[in-house]
Amino acid sequence: MPAKSKKYIWAYITSTMFIIMVGCILFSLINATREPVQIEVEKNQSAVNKGYKYLVKDVGGKINVFETGKNQPIDILDKPTNILPEYDQKLLKEGIYLEDIEQLDRLLEDYDD
């Protein structure tokens, strides 16, 4: 094989490896900066008695916000839940109970990226 062909092959392999490495690093950085939602999921129906004011739950593939004990959502996010990480999808299927508006705001900020 001519030396010129070897140079092109080596340059192609090197540039491909570089692009893959940069992609992996960027992917890692993006995932590292996103803090996972670590809110305890309360499965007990007496959530109102435990001081929870809000429930965030997946209804029909959308993120719905309820006041605890109410059947009508007070807010529905446009973001579909199927594009979220599996962990977040599982939490939303079960329902996330929150004690106050600050917790609700933080959670909605995470999902409204």
C-alpha atoms as a PDB file:
ATOM      1  CA  MET A   1       0.000   0.000   0.000  1.00  0.00           C
ATOM      2  CA  PRO A   2       1.414   3.413  -0.910  1.00  0.00           C
ATOM      3  CA  ALA A   3       2.577   5.636   1.946  1.00  0.00           C
ATOM      4  CA  LYS A   4       0.115   8.333   0.885  1.00  0.00           C
ATOM      5  CA  SER A   5      -2.858   5.950   1.354  1.00  0.00           C
ATOM      6  CA  LYS A   6      -1.619   4.952   4.795  1.00  0.00           C
ATOM      7  CA  LYS A   7      -1.479   8.627   5.801  1.00  0.00           C
ATOM      8  CA  TYR A   8      -5.106   9.157   4.749  1.00  0.00           C
ATOM      9  CA  ILE A   9      -6.283   6.043   6.564  1.00  0.00           C
ATOM     10  CA  TRP A  10      -4.384   7.052   9.701  1.00  0.00           C
ATOM     11  CA  ALA A  11      -5.787  10.599   9.517  1.00  0.00           C
ATOM     12  CA  TYR A  12      -9.326   9.237   9.089  1.00  0.00           C
ATOM     13  CA  ILE A  13      -8.990   6.867  12.063  1.00  0.00           C
ATOM     14  CA  THR A  14      -7.455   9.579  14.246  1.00  0.00           C
ATOM     15  CA  SER A  15     -10.117  12.162  13.406  1.00  0.00           C
ATOM     16  CA  THR A  16     -12.908   9.625  13.942  1.00  0.00           C
ATOM     17  CA  MET A  17     -11.520   8.672  17.362  1.00  0.00           C
ATOM     18  CA  PHE A  18     -11.213  12.353  18.280  1.00  0.00           C
ATOM     19  CA  ILE A  19     -14.827  13.056  17.319  1.00  0.00           C
ATOM     20  CA  ILE A  20     -16.049  10.045  19.316  1.00  0.00           C
ATOM     21  CA  MET A  21     -14.045  11.132  22.378  1.00  0.00           C
ATOM     22  CA  VAL A  22     -15.378  14.687  22.217  1.00  0.00           C
ATOM     23  CA  GLY A  23     -18.932  13.359  21.880  1.00  0.00           C
ATOM     24  CA  CYS A  24     -18.508  11.101  24.912  1.00  0.00           C
ATOM     25  CA  ILE A  25     -17.045  13.917  26.988  1.00  0.00           C
ATOM     26  CA  LEU A  26     -19.874  16.293  26.058  1.00  0.00           C
ATOM     27  CA  PHE A  27     -22.497  13.647  26.809  1.00  0.00           C
ATOM     28  CA  SER A  28     -20.909  12.982  30.215  1.00  0.00           C
ATOM     29  CA  LEU A  29     -20.772  16.678  31.050  1.00  0.00           C
ATOM     30  CA  ILE A  30     -24.398  17.230  30.103  1.00  0.00           C
ATOM     31  CA  ASN A  31     -25.580  14.294  32.208  1.00  0.00           C
ATOM     32  CA  ALA A  32     -23.324  15.225  35.132  1.00  0.00           C
ATOM     33  CA  THR A  33     -24.764  18.734  35.378  1.00  0.00           C
ATOM     34  CA  ARG A  34     -28.359  17.525  35.546  1.00  0.00           C
ATOM     35  CA  GLU A  35     -29.191  16.719  39.131  1.00  0.00           C
ATOM     36  CA  PRO A  36     -31.482  13.716  39.425  1.00  0.00           C
ATOM     37  CA  VAL A  37     -34.787  14.291  41.102  1.00  0.00           C
ATOM     38  CA  GLN A  38     -34.399  12.757  44.549  1.00  0.00           C
ATOM     39  CA  ILE A  39     -37.832  13.272  46.014  1.00  0.00           C
ATOM     40  CA  GLU A  40     -39.385  10.525  48.038  1.00  0.00           C
ATOM     41  CA  VAL A  41     -42.425   8.991  46.390  1.00  0.00           C
ATOM     42  CA  GLU A  42     -45.284   8.723  48.842  1.00  0.00           C
ATOM     43  CA  LYS A  43     -47.649   5.886  47.978  1.00  0.00           C
ATOM     44  CA  ASN A  44     -49.942   6.278  50.967  1.00  0.00           C
ATOM     45  CA  GLN A  45     -53.371   7.770  50.185  1.00  0.00           C
ATOM     46  CA  SER A  46     -53.257   9.877  53.350  1.00  0.00           C
ATOM     47  CA  ALA A  47     -50.861  12.352  51.728  1.00  0.00           C
ATOM     48  CA  VAL A  48     -52.949  15.316  52.847  1.00  0.00           C
ATOM     49  CA  ASN A  49     -52.598  14.234  56.479  1.00  0.00           C
ATOM     50  CA  LYS A  50     -48.827  13.996  56.048  1.00  0.00           C
ATOM     51  CA  GLY A  51     -48.580  17.639  54.991  1.00  0.00           C
ATOM     52  CA  TYR A  52     -48.157  17.209  51.256  1.00  0.00           C
ATOM     53  CA  LYS A  53     -49.721  20.051  49.279  1.00  0.00           C
ATOM     54  CA  TYR A  54     -48.938  19.036  45.693  1.00  0.00           C
ATOM     55  CA  LEU A  55     -48.893  15.921  43.566  1.00  0.00           C
ATOM     56  CA  VAL A  56     -46.985  15.780  40.270  1.00  0.00           C
ATOM     57  CA  LYS A  57     -48.018  12.832  38.138  1.00  0.00           C
ATOM     58  CA  ASP A  58     -47.951  11.492  34.591  1.00  0.00           C
ATOM     59  CA  VAL A  59     -51.462  11.565  33.167  1.00  0.00           C
ATOM     60  CA  GLY A  60     -51.874  10.656  29.511  1.00  0.00           C
ATOM     61  CA  GLY A  61     -48.180  11.161  28.773  1.00  0.00           C
ATOM     62  CA  LYS A  62     -48.066  14.710  30.172  1.00  0.00           C
ATOM     63  CA  ILE A  63     -46.825  16.062  33.504  1.00  0.00           C
ATOM     64  CA  ASN A  64     -49.839  17.130  35.565  1.00  0.00           C
ATOM     65  CA  VAL A  65     -49.702  19.148  38.792  1.00  0.00           C
ATOM     66  CA  PHE A  66     -52.470  18.633  41.336  1.00  0.00           C
ATOM     67  CA  GLU A  67     -53.232  20.063  44.714  1.00  0.00           C
ATOM     68  CA  THR A  68     -53.242  17.006  46.955  1.00  0.00           C
ATOM     69  CA  GLY A  69     -56.722  15.572  47.300  1.00  0.00           C
ATOM     70  CA  LYS A  70     -58.098  17.350  44.198  1.00  0.00           C
ATOM     71  CA  ASN A  71     -59.031  15.656  40.931  1.00  0.00           C
ATOM     72  CA  GLN A  72     -58.465  18.574  38.539  1.00  0.00           C
ATOM     73  CA  PRO A  73     -54.883  19.552  37.693  1.00  0.00           C
ATOM     74  CA  ILE A  74     -53.797  23.102  38.434  1.00  0.00           C
ATOM     75  CA  ASP A  75     -51.134  22.902  35.699  1.00  0.00           C
ATOM     76  CA  ILE A  76     -50.202  20.634  32.786  1.00  0.00           C
ATOM     77  CA  LEU A  77     -46.727  20.848  31.256  1.00  0.00           C
ATOM     78  CA  ASP A  78     -46.418  20.543  27.482  1.00  0.00           C
ATOM     79  CA  LYS A  79     -43.344  18.307  27.738  1.00  0.00           C
ATOM     80  CA  PRO A  80     -44.183  14.639  27.041  1.00  0.00           C
ATOM     81  CA  THR A  81     -43.012  12.245  29.733  1.00  0.00           C
ATOM     82  CA  ASN A  82     -41.697   9.637  27.298  1.00  0.00           C
ATOM     83  CA  ILE A  83     -38.655  11.822  26.524  1.00  0.00           C
ATOM     84  CA  LEU A  84     -37.580  11.919  30.184  1.00  0.00           C
ATOM     85  CA  PRO A  85     -35.093   9.466  31.698  1.00  0.00           C
ATOM     86  CA  GLU A  86     -36.619   6.154  32.832  1.00  0.00           C
ATOM     87  CA  TYR A  87     -36.096   7.000  36.509  1.00  0.00           C
ATOM     88  CA  ASP A  88     -38.128  10.200  36.185  1.00  0.00           C
ATOM     89  CA  GLN A  89     -40.813   8.405  34.158  1.00  0.00           C
ATOM     90  CA  LYS A  90     -41.176   5.821  36.938  1.00  0.00           C
ATOM     91  CA  LEU A  91     -41.447   8.525  39.614  1.00  0.00           C
ATOM     92  CA  LEU A  92     -44.107  10.358  37.635  1.00  0.00           C
ATOM     93  CA  LYS A  93     -46.136   7.186  37.018  1.00  0.00           C
ATOM     94  CA  GLU A  94     -46.257   6.575  40.779  1.00  0.00           C
ATOM     95  CA  GLY A  95     -46.726  10.258  41.610  1.00  0.00           C
ATOM     96  CA  ILE A  96     -44.440  12.677  43.407  1.00  0.00           C
ATOM     97  CA  TYR A  97     -45.841  14.323  46.525  1.00  0.00           C
ATOM     98  CA  LEU A  98     -44.389  17.693  47.544  1.00  0.00           C
ATOM     99  CA  GLU A  99     -44.666  19.657  50.761  1.00  0.00           C
ATOM    100  CA  ASP A 100     -44.499  23.223  49.469  1.00  0.00           C
ATOM    101  CA  ILE A 101     -44.353  25.543  46.473  1.00  0.00           C
ATOM    102  CA  GLU A 102     -40.534  25.751  46.610  1.00  0.00           C
ATOM    103  CA  GLN A 103     -40.223  21.988  46.079  1.00  0.00           C
ATOM    104  CA  LEU A 104     -42.785  22.199  43.290  1.00  0.00           C
ATOM    105  CA  ASP A 105     -40.907  25.039  41.581  1.00  0.00           C
ATOM    106  CA  ARG A 106     -37.585  23.148  41.740  1.00  0.00           C
ATOM    107  CA  LEU A 107     -39.141  19.999  40.327  1.00  0.00           C
ATOM    108  CA  LEU A 108     -40.904  21.811  37.497  1.00  0.00           C
ATOM    109  CA  GLU A 109     -37.671  23.630  36.605  1.00  0.00           C
ATOM    110  CA  ASP A 110     -35.970  20.236  36.235  1.00  0.00           C
ATOM    111  CA  TYR A 111     -38.673  18.984  33.891  1.00  0.00           C
ATOM    112  CA  ASP A 112     -39.084  22.228  31.955  1.00  0.00           C
ATOM    113  CA  ASP A 113     -35.553  22.274  30.438  1.00  0.00           C
END
